[in-house]
Every structure is written in C-alpha cells, then in structure tokens.
Amino acid sequence: MKTSRRTFLITSVGVASTFALGSKAAFAADAPKVAESDPTAQALGYKEDASKVDKAKFAKYAAGQDCGNCQFYQGKPTDAYAPCPMFSNKQVAAKGWCSAYVKKA
C-alpha cells in the first residue's frame, strides 16, 4: 500500500506543478501590453521602439540598449513581448526601452 500512496503523491505533485507553471505562462501571455501613453510609461520614457527614444531628454540611452537585454525583462530573448516589473508585470516590447534599463548580467 505504501508504494501506491507514494506513487500517487509523486504523480499528484508533478501534475499540480505542471498546472501551476502552465497557468503562470498563460497569465504572462494574457497580460496587457504597456501603452506609451500610460502614466508610468511616460514617466520612465518608455518607447516600444528603442530607436525612437528622445536622446536629449534621456541622455542615459545608448544604442543597443533595449528591453530584451534588460535585467527586468522577464521573457526569453526570442519573445517579442514579456512582462516587466517596472510596469506592474504588463508586457513590454523586446525592442522597447525605458529609463529603468539595466543591462542583463
């Protein structure tokens, strides 16, 4: 009987973790995209296209910096959009930029 109970528990934990991870991925994919008109986006100078950053206003910006290679970007390098904690986990464009940019280690 112990083998059956152990097998059941191991299987249950595996299934539960699969659902938990799957729902997290689904939640991230359903998160809204940050609009440039969003007050937080405006405060941080967020642009969906890093090449359109106002370099006079945001002197910190340098070519090659974008959300996809920022420490805060919570997606894979190949994801076009991914959550960012700077924007309450709304999705930002991988090719975007904001003044909170920190190069990924």
PDB file of N, CA and C in Angstrom:
ATOM      1  N   MET A   1       0.814  -1.199   0.000  1.00  0.00           N
ATOM      2  CA  MET A   1       0.000   0.000   0.000  1.00  0.00           C
ATOM      3  C   MET A   1       0.855   1.259   0.000  1.00  0.00           C
ATOM      4  N   LYS A   2       2.013   1.261   0.657  1.00  0.00           N
ATOM      5  CA  LYS A   2       2.875   2.440   0.691  1.00  0.00           C
ATOM      6  C   LYS A   2       3.366   2.818  -0.705  1.00  0.00           C
ATOM      7  N   THR A   3       3.673   1.838  -1.520  1.00  0.00           N
ATOM      8  CA  THR A   3       4.131   2.120  -2.874  1.00  0.00           C
ATOM      9  C   THR A   3       3.037   2.836  -3.656  1.00  0.00           C
ATOM     10  N   SER A   4       1.810   2.408  -3.534  1.00  0.00           N
ATOM     11  CA  SER A   4       0.712   3.048  -4.240  1.00  0.00           C
ATOM     12  C   SER A   4       0.508   4.472  -3.745  1.00  0.00           C
ATOM     13  N   ARG A   5       0.557   4.678  -2.445  1.00  0.00           N
ATOM     14  CA  ARG A   5       0.380   6.018  -1.890  1.00  0.00           C
ATOM     15  C   ARG A   5       1.526   6.913  -2.335  1.00  0.00           C
ATOM     16  N   ARG A   6       2.760   6.413  -2.279  1.00  0.00           N
ATOM     17  CA  ARG A   6       3.929   7.182  -2.697  1.00  0.00           C
ATOM     18  C   ARG A   6       3.817   7.548  -4.174  1.00  0.00           C
ATOM     19  N   THR A   7       3.433   6.590  -5.005  1.00  0.00           N
ATOM     20  CA  THR A   7       3.269   6.844  -6.436  1.00  0.00           C
ATOM     21  C   THR A   7       2.191   7.899  -6.663  1.00  0.00           C
ATOM     22  N   PHE A   8       1.091   7.784  -5.930  1.00  0.00           N
ATOM     23  CA  PHE A   8       0.009   8.752  -6.058  1.00  0.00           C
ATOM     24  C   PHE A   8       0.491  10.164  -5.698  1.00  0.00           C
ATOM     25  N   LEU A   9       1.213  10.288  -4.575  1.00  0.00           N
ATOM     26  CA  LEU A   9       1.686  11.600  -4.135  1.00  0.00           C
ATOM     27  C   LEU A   9       2.682  12.201  -5.119  1.00  0.00           C
ATOM     28  N   ILE A  10       3.595  11.417  -5.594  1.00  0.00           N
ATOM     29  CA  ILE A  10       4.579  11.912  -6.557  1.00  0.00           C
ATOM     30  C   ILE A  10       3.890  12.362  -7.840  1.00  0.00           C
ATOM     31  N   THR A  11       2.949  11.566  -8.309  1.00  0.00           N
ATOM     32  CA  THR A  11       2.205  11.918  -9.515  1.00  0.00           C
ATOM     33  C   THR A  11       1.381  13.177  -9.295  1.00  0.00           C
ATOM     34  N   SER A  12       0.736  13.280  -8.143  1.00  0.00           N
ATOM     35  CA  SER A  12      -0.091  14.453  -7.830  1.00  0.00           C
ATOM     36  C   SER A  12       0.733  15.730  -7.796  1.00  0.00           C
ATOM     37  N   VAL A  13       1.905  15.675  -7.168  1.00  0.00           N
ATOM     38  CA  VAL A  13       2.779  16.844  -7.093  1.00  0.00           C
ATOM     39  C   VAL A  13       3.231  17.236  -8.495  1.00  0.00           C
ATOM     40  N   GLY A  14       3.580  16.276  -9.307  1.00  0.00           N
ATOM     41  CA  GLY A  14       4.000  16.562 -10.685  1.00  0.00           C
ATOM     42  C   GLY A  14       2.897  17.205 -11.498  1.00  0.00           C
ATOM     43  N   VAL A  15       1.688  16.693 -11.387  1.00  0.00           N
ATOM     44  CA  VAL A  15       0.552  17.244 -12.119  1.00  0.00           C
ATOM     45  C   VAL A  15       0.234  18.647 -11.614  1.00  0.00           C
ATOM     46  N   ALA A  16       0.247  18.847 -10.304  1.00  0.00           N
ATOM     47  CA  ALA A  16      -0.051  20.165  -9.735  1.00  0.00           C
ATOM     48  C   ALA A  16       0.974  21.201 -10.178  1.00  0.00           C
ATOM     49  N   SER A  17       2.249  20.823 -10.180  1.00  0.00           N
ATOM     50  CA  SER A  17       3.273  21.783 -10.601  1.00  0.00           C
ATOM     51  C   SER A  17       3.156  22.102 -12.085  1.00  0.00           C
ATOM     52  N   THR A  18       2.756  21.129 -12.877  1.00  0.00           N
ATOM     53  CA  THR A  18       2.549  21.373 -14.308  1.00  0.00           C
ATOM     54  C   THR A  18       1.434  22.388 -14.511  1.00  0.00           C
ATOM     55  N   PHE A  19       0.327  22.228 -13.771  1.00  0.00           N
ATOM     56  CA  PHE A  19      -0.774  23.182 -13.876  1.00  0.00           C
ATOM     57  C   PHE A  19      -0.335  24.569 -13.404  1.00  0.00           C
ATOM     58  N   ALA A  20       0.412  24.618 -12.315  1.00  0.00           N
ATOM     59  CA  ALA A  20       0.856  25.906 -11.782  1.00  0.00           C
ATOM     60  C   ALA A  20       1.764  26.617 -12.775  1.00  0.00           C
ATOM     61  N   LEU A  21       2.711  25.923 -13.343  1.00  0.00           N
ATOM     62  CA  LEU A  21       3.611  26.528 -14.320  1.00  0.00           C
ATOM     63  C   LEU A  21       2.877  26.904 -15.591  1.00  0.00           C
ATOM     64  N   GLY A  22       1.966  26.060 -16.011  1.00  0.00           N
ATOM     65  CA  GLY A  22       1.186  26.347 -17.217  1.00  0.00           C
ATOM     66  C   GLY A  22       0.319  27.567 -17.039  1.00  0.00           C
ATOM     67  N   SER A  23      -0.305  27.717 -15.874  1.00  0.00           N
ATOM     68  CA  SER A  23      -1.168  28.868 -15.653  1.00  0.00           C
ATOM     69  C   SER A  23      -0.350  30.148 -15.533  1.00  0.00           C
ATOM     70  N   LYS A  24       0.869  30.071 -14.999  1.00  0.00           N
ATOM     71  CA  LYS A  24       1.735  31.248 -14.921  1.00  0.00           C
ATOM     72  C   LYS A  24       2.106  31.708 -16.328  1.00  0.00           C
ATOM     73  N   ALA A  25       2.446  30.775 -17.194  1.00  0.00           N
ATOM     74  CA  ALA A  25       2.790  31.123 -18.579  1.00  0.00           C
ATOM     75  C   ALA A  25       1.584  31.700 -19.294  1.00  0.00           C
ATOM     76  N   ALA A  26       0.419  31.129 -19.064  1.00  0.00           N
ATOM     77  CA  ALA A  26      -0.796  31.634 -19.693  1.00  0.00           C
ATOM     78  C   ALA A  26      -1.106  33.031 -19.185  1.00  0.00           C
ATOM     79  N   PHE A  27      -0.910  33.273 -17.870  1.00  0.00           N
ATOM     80  CA  PHE A  27      -1.158  34.589 -17.305  1.00  0.00           C
ATOM     81  C   PHE A  27      -0.233  35.627 -17.933  1.00  0.00           C
ATOM     82  N   ALA A  28       1.039  35.287 -18.069  1.00  0.00           N
ATOM     83  CA  ALA A  28       2.007  36.219 -18.650  1.00  0.00           C
ATOM     84  C   ALA A  28       1.633  36.550 -20.087  1.00  0.00           C
ATOM     85  N   ALA A  29       1.176  35.562 -20.834  1.00  0.00           N
ATOM     86  CA  ALA A  29       0.804  35.779 -22.221  1.00  0.00           C
ATOM     87  C   ALA A  29      -0.450  36.632 -22.335  1.00  0.00           C
ATOM     88  N   ASP A  30      -1.321  36.598 -21.304  1.00  0.00           N
ATOM     89  CA  ASP A  30      -2.564  37.361 -21.326  1.00  0.00           C
ATOM     90  C   ASP A  30      -2.407  38.762 -20.739  1.00  0.00           C
ATOM     91  N   ALA A  31      -1.277  39.055 -20.132  1.00  0.00           N
ATOM     92  CA  ALA A  31      -1.075  40.371 -19.528  1.00  0.00           C
ATOM     93  C   ALA A  31      -1.142  41.442 -20.612  1.00  0.00           C
ATOM     94  N   PRO A  32      -1.728  42.594 -20.290  1.00  0.00           N
ATOM     95  CA  PRO A  32      -1.831  43.654 -21.297  1.00  0.00           C
ATOM     96  C   PRO A  32      -0.459  44.246 -21.630  1.00  0.00           C
ATOM     97  N   LYS A  33      -0.358  44.808 -22.810  1.00  0.00           N
ATOM     98  CA  LYS A  33       0.875  45.470 -23.227  1.00  0.00           C
ATOM     99  C   LYS A  33       0.858  46.900 -22.700  1.00  0.00           C
ATOM    100  N   VAL A  34       2.026  47.388 -22.353  1.00  0.00           N
ATOM    101  CA  VAL A  34       2.153  48.757 -21.868  1.00  0.00           C
ATOM    102  C   VAL A  34       1.973  49.708 -23.045  1.00  0.00           C
ATOM    103  N   ALA A  35       1.112  50.689 -22.865  1.00  0.00           N
ATOM    104  CA  ALA A  35       0.933  51.728 -23.881  1.00  0.00           C
ATOM    105  C   ALA A  35       1.898  52.868 -23.577  1.00  0.00           C
ATOM    106  N   GLU A  36       2.438  53.492 -24.600  1.00  0.00           N
ATOM    107  CA  GLU A  36       3.342  54.624 -24.396  1.00  0.00           C
ATOM    108  C   GLU A  36       2.623  55.777 -23.700  1.00  0.00           C
ATOM    109  N   SER A  37       1.299  55.798 -23.770  1.00  0.00           N
ATOM    110  CA  SER A  37       0.507  56.848 -23.126  1.00  0.00           C
ATOM    111  C   SER A  37       0.256  56.570 -21.642  1.00  0.00           C
ATOM    112  N   ASP A  38       0.597  55.374 -21.166  1.00  0.00           N
ATOM    113  CA  ASP A  38       0.448  55.008 -19.761  1.00  0.00           C
ATOM    114  C   ASP A  38       1.279  55.979 -18.911  1.00  0.00           C
ATOM    115  N   PRO A  39       0.725  56.466 -17.785  1.00  0.00           N
ATOM    116  CA  PRO A  39       1.467  57.429 -16.955  1.00  0.00           C
ATOM    117  C   PRO A  39       2.849  56.926 -16.510  1.00  0.00           C
ATOM    118  N   THR A  40       2.950  55.663 -16.131  1.00  0.00           N
ATOM    119  CA  THR A  40       4.255  55.109 -15.737  1.00  0.00           C
ATOM    120  C   THR A  40       5.193  55.074 -16.929  1.00  0.00           C
ATOM    121  N   ALA A  41       4.667  54.685 -18.089  1.00  0.00           N
ATOM    122  CA  ALA A  41       5.484  54.646 -19.304  1.00  0.00           C
ATOM    123  C   ALA A  41       6.005  56.039 -19.640  1.00  0.00           C
ATOM    124  N   GLN A  42       5.164  57.039 -19.505  1.00  0.00           N
ATOM    125  CA  GLN A  42       5.592  58.408 -19.798  1.00  0.00           C
ATOM    126  C   GLN A  42       6.643  58.869 -18.797  1.00  0.00           C
ATOM    127  N   ALA A  43       6.461  58.535 -17.535  1.00  0.00           N
ATOM    128  CA  ALA A  43       7.423  58.933 -16.503  1.00  0.00           C
ATOM    129  C   ALA A  43       8.793  58.286 -16.735  1.00  0.00           C
ATOM    130  N   LEU A  44       8.794  57.050 -17.244  1.00  0.00           N
ATOM    131  CA  LEU A  44      10.054  56.330 -17.478  1.00  0.00           C
ATOM    132  C   LEU A  44      10.557  56.482 -18.908  1.00  0.00           C
ATOM    133  N   GLY A  45       9.842  57.238 -19.730  1.00  0.00           N
ATOM    134  CA  GLY A  45      10.274  57.455 -21.111  1.00  0.00           C
ATOM    135  C   GLY A  45      10.177  56.208 -21.964  1.00  0.00           C
ATOM    136  N   TYR A  46       9.245  55.290 -21.648  1.00  0.00           N
ATOM    137  CA  TYR A  46       9.116  54.035 -22.396  1.00  0.00           C
ATOM    138  C   TYR A  46       8.719  54.282 -23.849  1.00  0.00           C
ATOM    139  N   LYS A  47       9.430  53.623 -24.737  1.00  0.00           N
ATOM    140  CA  LYS A  47       9.104  53.607 -26.161  1.00  0.00           C
ATOM    141  C   LYS A  47       9.117  52.158 -26.613  1.00  0.00           C
ATOM    142  N   GLU A  48       8.132  51.763 -27.417  1.00  0.00           N
ATOM    143  CA  GLU A  48       8.089  50.388 -27.947  1.00  0.00           C
ATOM    144  C   GLU A  48       9.245  50.134 -28.892  1.00  0.00           C
ATOM    145  N   ASP A  49       9.771  51.178 -29.476  1.00  0.00           N
ATOM    146  CA  ASP A  49      10.899  51.072 -30.401  1.00  0.00           C
ATOM    147  C   ASP A  49      12.026  51.931 -29.834  1.00  0.00           C
ATOM    148  N   ALA A  50      13.080  51.292 -29.353  1.00  0.00           N
ATOM    149  CA  ALA A  50      14.179  51.996 -28.690  1.00  0.00           C
ATOM    150  C   ALA A  50      14.815  53.057 -29.581  1.00  0.00           C
ATOM    151  N   SER A  51      14.748  52.890 -30.888  1.00  0.00           N
ATOM    152  CA  SER A  51      15.363  53.877 -31.780  1.00  0.00           C
ATOM    153  C   SER A  51      14.615  55.213 -31.760  1.00  0.00           C
ATOM    154  N   LYS A  52      13.423  55.244 -31.146  1.00  0.00           N
ATOM    155  CA  LYS A  52      12.627  56.470 -31.086  1.00  0.00           C
ATOM    156  C   LYS A  52      12.727  57.184 -29.735  1.00  0.00           C
ATOM    157  N   VAL A  53      13.679  56.756 -28.893  1.00  0.00           N
ATOM    158  CA  VAL A  53      13.871  57.391 -27.586  1.00  0.00           C
ATOM    159  C   VAL A  53      14.382  58.815 -27.797  1.00  0.00           C
ATOM    160  N   ASP A  54      13.838  59.751 -27.017  1.00  0.00           N
ATOM    161  CA  ASP A  54      14.278  61.145 -27.057  1.00  0.00           C
ATOM    162  C   ASP A  54      15.642  61.214 -26.367  1.00  0.00           C
ATOM    163  N   LYS A  55      16.698  61.217 -27.168  1.00  0.00           N
ATOM    164  CA  LYS A  55      18.062  61.164 -26.626  1.00  0.00           C
ATOM    165  C   LYS A  55      18.446  62.448 -25.886  1.00  0.00           C
ATOM    166  N   ALA A  56      17.793  63.557 -26.199  1.00  0.00           N
ATOM    167  CA  ALA A  56      18.066  64.803 -25.484  1.00  0.00           C
ATOM    168  C   ALA A  56      17.488  64.726 -24.068  1.00  0.00           C
ATOM    169  N   LYS A  57      16.323  64.143 -23.936  1.00  0.00           N
ATOM    170  CA  LYS A  57      15.656  64.033 -22.640  1.00  0.00           C
ATOM    171  C   LYS A  57      16.217  62.879 -21.812  1.00  0.00           C
ATOM    172  N   PHE A  58      16.623  61.797 -22.484  1.00  0.00           N
ATOM    173  CA  PHE A  58      17.130  60.602 -21.802  1.00  0.00           C
ATOM    174  C   PHE A  58      18.560  60.318 -22.269  1.00  0.00           C
ATOM    175  N   ALA A  59      19.485  61.128 -21.765  1.00  0.00           N
ATOM    176  CA  ALA A  59      20.891  61.015 -22.160  1.00  0.00           C
ATOM    177  C   ALA A  59      21.497  59.666 -21.770  1.00  0.00           C
ATOM    178  N   LYS A  60      20.866  58.969 -20.830  1.00  0.00           N
ATOM    179  CA  LYS A  60      21.339  57.654 -20.389  1.00  0.00           C
ATOM    180  C   LYS A  60      21.235  56.613 -21.508  1.00  0.00           C
ATOM    181  N   TYR A  61      20.304  56.826 -22.446  1.00  0.00           N
ATOM    182  CA  TYR A  61      20.094  55.857 -23.521  1.00  0.00           C
ATOM    183  C   TYR A  61      21.339  55.751 -24.399  1.00  0.00           C
ATOM    184  N   ALA A  62      21.663  54.509 -24.765  1.00  0.00           N
ATOM    185  CA  ALA A  62      22.755  54.244 -25.711  1.00  0.00           C
ATOM    186  C   ALA A  62      22.267  53.201 -26.706  1.00  0.00           C
ATOM    187  N   ALA A  63      22.697  53.339 -27.935  1.00  0.00           N
ATOM    188  CA  ALA A  63      22.320  52.378 -28.978  1.00  0.00           C
ATOM    189  C   ALA A  63      22.650  50.966 -28.502  1.00  0.00           C
ATOM    190  N   GLY A  64      21.762  50.037 -28.792  1.00  0.00           N
ATOM    191  CA  GLY A  64      21.962  48.647 -28.383  1.00  0.00           C
ATOM    192  C   GLY A  64      21.215  48.292 -27.105  1.00  0.00           C
ATOM    193  N   GLN A  65      20.799  49.309 -26.362  1.00  0.00           N
ATOM    194  CA  GLN A  65      20.011  49.052 -25.160  1.00  0.00           C
ATOM    195  C   GLN A  65      18.561  48.843 -25.583  1.00  0.00           C
ATOM    196  N   ASP A  66      17.964  47.760 -25.117  1.00  0.00           N
ATOM    197  CA  ASP A  66      16.535  47.544 -25.325  1.00  0.00           C
ATOM    198  C   ASP A  66      16.019  46.607 -24.249  1.00  0.00           C
ATOM    199  N   CYS A  67      14.712  46.536 -24.135  1.00  0.00           N
ATOM    200  CA  CYS A  67      14.097  45.730 -23.075  1.00  0.00           C
ATOM    201  C   CYS A  67      14.549  44.271 -23.134  1.00  0.00           C
ATOM    202  N   GLY A  68      14.750  43.748 -24.327  1.00  0.00           N
ATOM    203  CA  GLY A  68      15.131  42.343 -24.481  1.00  0.00           C
ATOM    204  C   GLY A  68      16.442  41.989 -23.814  1.00  0.00           C
ATOM    205  N   ASN A  69      17.340  42.984 -23.615  1.00  0.00           N
ATOM    206  CA  ASN A  69      18.598  42.676 -22.931  1.00  0.00           C
ATOM    207  C   ASN A  69      18.702  43.423 -21.593  1.00  0.00           C
ATOM    208  N   CYS A  70      17.522  43.754 -21.034  1.00  0.00           N
ATOM    209  CA  CYS A  70      17.456  44.410 -19.720  1.00  0.00           C
ATOM    210  C   CYS A  70      17.245  43.359 -18.628  1.00  0.00           C
ATOM    211  N   GLN A  71      17.811  43.630 -17.482  1.00  0.00           N
ATOM    212  CA  GLN A  71      17.699  42.733 -16.328  1.00  0.00           C
ATOM    213  C   GLN A  71      16.247  42.513 -15.913  1.00  0.00           C
ATOM    214  N   PHE A  72      15.381  43.487 -16.132  1.00  0.00           N
ATOM    215  CA  PHE A  72      13.994  43.385 -15.686  1.00  0.00           C
ATOM    216  C   PHE A  72      13.084  42.631 -16.655  1.00  0.00           C
ATOM    217  N   TYR A  73      13.508  42.427 -17.881  1.00  0.00           N
ATOM    218  CA  TYR A  73      12.700  41.739 -18.901  1.00  0.00           C
ATOM    219  C   TYR A  73      12.528  40.285 -18.486  1.00  0.00           C
ATOM    220  N   GLN A  74      11.288  39.842 -18.317  1.00  0.00           N
ATOM    221  CA  GLN A  74      11.030  38.508 -17.783  1.00  0.00           C
ATOM    222  C   GLN A  74      10.655  37.494 -18.857  1.00  0.00           C
ATOM    223  N   GLY A  75      11.171  37.672 -20.034  1.00  0.00           N
ATOM    224  CA  GLY A  75      10.897  36.733 -21.111  1.00  0.00           C
ATOM    225  C   GLY A  75      12.179  36.151 -21.657  1.00  0.00           C
ATOM    226  N   LYS A  76      12.013  35.318 -22.666  1.00  0.00           N
ATOM    227  CA  LYS A  76      13.165  34.764 -23.369  1.00  0.00           C
ATOM    228  C   LYS A  76      13.646  35.809 -24.378  1.00  0.00           C
ATOM    229  N   PRO A  77      14.903  35.748 -24.766  1.00  0.00           N
ATOM    230  CA  PRO A  77      15.412  36.710 -25.751  1.00  0.00           C
ATOM    231  C   PRO A  77      14.627  36.691 -27.068  1.00  0.00           C
ATOM    232  N   THR A  78      13.979  35.577 -27.364  1.00  0.00           N
ATOM    233  CA  THR A  78      13.230  35.454 -28.621  1.00  0.00           C
ATOM    234  C   THR A  78      11.785  35.949 -28.508  1.00  0.00           C
ATOM    235  N   ASP A  79      11.311  36.271 -27.293  1.00  0.00           N
ATOM    236  CA  ASP A  79       9.940  36.750 -27.104  1.00  0.00           C
ATOM    237  C   ASP A  79       9.819  38.193 -27.596  1.00  0.00           C
ATOM    238  N   ALA A  80       8.784  38.475 -28.380  1.00  0.00           N
ATOM    239  CA  ALA A  80       8.551  39.838 -28.862  1.00  0.00           C
ATOM    240  C   ALA A  80       8.080  40.739 -27.731  1.00  0.00           C
ATOM    241  N   TYR A  81       7.315  40.191 -26.793  1.00  0.00           N
ATOM    242  CA  TYR A  81       6.815  40.916 -25.620  1.00  0.00           C
ATOM    243  C   TYR A  81       6.944  40.023 -24.405  1.00  0.00           C
ATOM    244  N   ALA A  82       7.178  40.637 -23.251  1.00  0.00           N
ATOM    245  CA  ALA A  82       7.263  39.876 -21.999  1.00  0.00           C
ATOM    246  C   ALA A  82       6.963  40.819 -20.835  1.00  0.00           C
ATOM    247  N   PRO A  83       6.581  40.262 -19.688  1.00  0.00           N
ATOM    248  CA  PRO A  83       6.286  41.083 -18.512  1.00  0.00           C
ATOM    249  C   PRO A  83       7.516  41.820 -17.990  1.00  0.00           C
ATOM    250  N   CYS A  84       7.240  42.974 -17.381  1.00  0.00           N
ATOM    251  CA  CYS A  84       8.297  43.771 -16.759  1.00  0.00           C
ATOM    252  C   CYS A  84       7.780  44.285 -15.418  1.00  0.00           C
ATOM    253  N   PRO A  85       8.532  44.068 -14.330  1.00  0.00           N
ATOM    254  CA  PRO A  85       8.074  44.521 -13.018  1.00  0.00           C
ATOM    255  C   PRO A  85       7.990  46.050 -12.899  1.00  0.00           C
ATOM    256  N   MET A  86       8.677  46.784 -13.740  1.00  0.00           N
ATOM    257  CA  MET A  86       8.600  48.248 -13.695  1.00  0.00           C
ATOM    258  C   MET A  86       7.203  48.744 -14.073  1.00  0.00           C
ATOM    259  N   PHE A  87       6.474  47.901 -14.793  1.00  0.00           N
ATOM    260  CA  PHE A  87       5.140  48.269 -15.274  1.00  0.00           C
ATOM    261  C   PHE A  87       4.081  47.321 -14.721  1.00  0.00           C
ATOM    262  N   SER A  88       4.228  46.928 -13.476  1.00  0.00           N
ATOM    263  CA  SER A  88       3.285  46.017 -12.808  1.00  0.00           C
ATOM    264  C   SER A  88       3.067  44.737 -13.599  1.00  0.00           C
ATOM    265  N   ASN A  89       4.145  44.229 -14.176  1.00  0.00           N
ATOM    266  CA  ASN A  89       4.158  42.996 -14.971  1.00  0.00           C
ATOM    267  C   ASN A  89       3.318  43.060 -16.237  1.00  0.00           C
ATOM    268  N   LYS A  90       3.006  44.264 -16.701  1.00  0.00           N
ATOM    269  CA  LYS A  90       2.422  44.386 -18.038  1.00  0.00           C
ATOM    270  C   LYS A  90       3.535  44.040 -19.016  1.00  0.00           C
ATOM    271  N   GLN A  91       3.157  43.714 -20.239  1.00  0.00           N
ATOM    272  CA  GLN A  91       4.149  43.305 -21.225  1.00  0.00           C
ATOM    273  C   GLN A  91       4.791  44.514 -21.902  1.00  0.00           C
ATOM    274  N   VAL A  92       6.089  44.431 -22.079  1.00  0.00           N
ATOM    275  CA  VAL A  92       6.834  45.447 -22.810  1.00  0.00           C
ATOM    276  C   VAL A  92       7.428  44.808 -24.063  1.00  0.00           C
ATOM    277  N   ALA A  93       7.716  45.622 -25.049  1.00  0.00           N
ATOM    278  CA  ALA A  93       8.305  45.136 -26.296  1.00  0.00           C
ATOM    279  C   ALA A  93       9.785  44.828 -26.083  1.00  0.00           C
ATOM    280  N   ALA A  94      10.246  43.718 -26.626  1.00  0.00           N
ATOM    281  CA  ALA A  94      11.667  43.362 -26.522  1.00  0.00           C
ATOM    282  C   ALA A  94      12.529  44.440 -27.152  1.00  0.00           C
ATOM    283  N   LYS A  95      12.012  45.123 -28.162  1.00  0.00           N
ATOM    284  CA  LYS A  95      12.762  46.169 -28.852  1.00  0.00           C
ATOM    285  C   LYS A  95      12.512  47.541 -28.241  1.00  0.00           C
ATOM    286  N   GLY A  96      11.803  47.564 -27.093  1.00  0.00           N
ATOM    287  CA  GLY A  96      11.497  48.820 -26.425  1.00  0.00           C
ATOM    288  C   GLY A  96      12.612  49.264 -25.506  1.00  0.00           C
ATOM    289  N   TRP A  97      12.378  50.383 -24.801  1.00  0.00           N
ATOM    290  CA  TRP A  97      13.354  50.918 -23.855  1.00  0.00           C
ATOM    291  C   TRP A  97      12.648  51.830 -22.869  1.00  0.00           C
ATOM    292  N   CYS A  98      13.172  51.894 -21.641  1.00  0.00           N
ATOM    293  CA  CYS A  98      12.743  52.899 -20.666  1.00  0.00           C
ATOM    294  C   CYS A  98      13.944  53.278 -19.810  1.00  0.00           C
ATOM    295  N   SER A  99      13.802  54.334 -19.053  1.00  0.00           N
ATOM    296  CA  SER A  99      14.930  54.848 -18.262  1.00  0.00           C
ATOM    297  C   SER A  99      15.305  53.944 -17.091  1.00  0.00           C
ATOM    298  N   ALA A 100      14.534  52.919 -16.802  1.00  0.00           N
ATOM    299  CA  ALA A 100      14.877  51.966 -15.744  1.00  0.00           C
ATOM    300  C   ALA A 100      15.819  50.873 -16.271  1.00  0.00           C
ATOM    301  N   TYR A 101      16.219  50.978 -17.523  1.00  0.00           N
ATOM    302  CA  TYR A 101      17.069  49.969 -18.167  1.00  0.00           C
ATOM    303  C   TYR A 101      18.330  49.674 -17.339  1.00  0.00           C
ATOM    304  N   VAL A 102      18.580  48.369 -17.134  1.00  0.00           N
ATOM    305  CA  VAL A 102      19.805  47.882 -16.507  1.00  0.00           C
ATOM    306  C   VAL A 102      20.248  46.687 -17.338  1.00  0.00           C
ATOM    307  N   LYS A 103      21.477  46.739 -17.843  1.00  0.00           N
ATOM    308  CA  LYS A 103      21.970  45.657 -18.699  1.00  0.00           C
ATOM    309  C   LYS A 103      21.947  44.335 -17.951  1.00  0.00           C
ATOM    310  N   LYS A 104      21.406  43.315 -18.658  1.00  0.00           N
ATOM    311  CA  LYS A 104      21.346  41.975 -18.093  1.00  0.00           C
ATOM    312  C   LYS A 104      22.762  41.448 -17.876  1.00  0.00           C
ATOM    313  N   ALA A 105      22.976  40.861 -16.721  1.00  0.00           N
ATOM    314  CA  ALA A 105      24.316  40.333 -16.381  1.00  0.00           C
ATOM    315  C   ALA A 105      24.663  39.131 -17.222  1.00  0.00           C
TER     316      ALA A 105
END
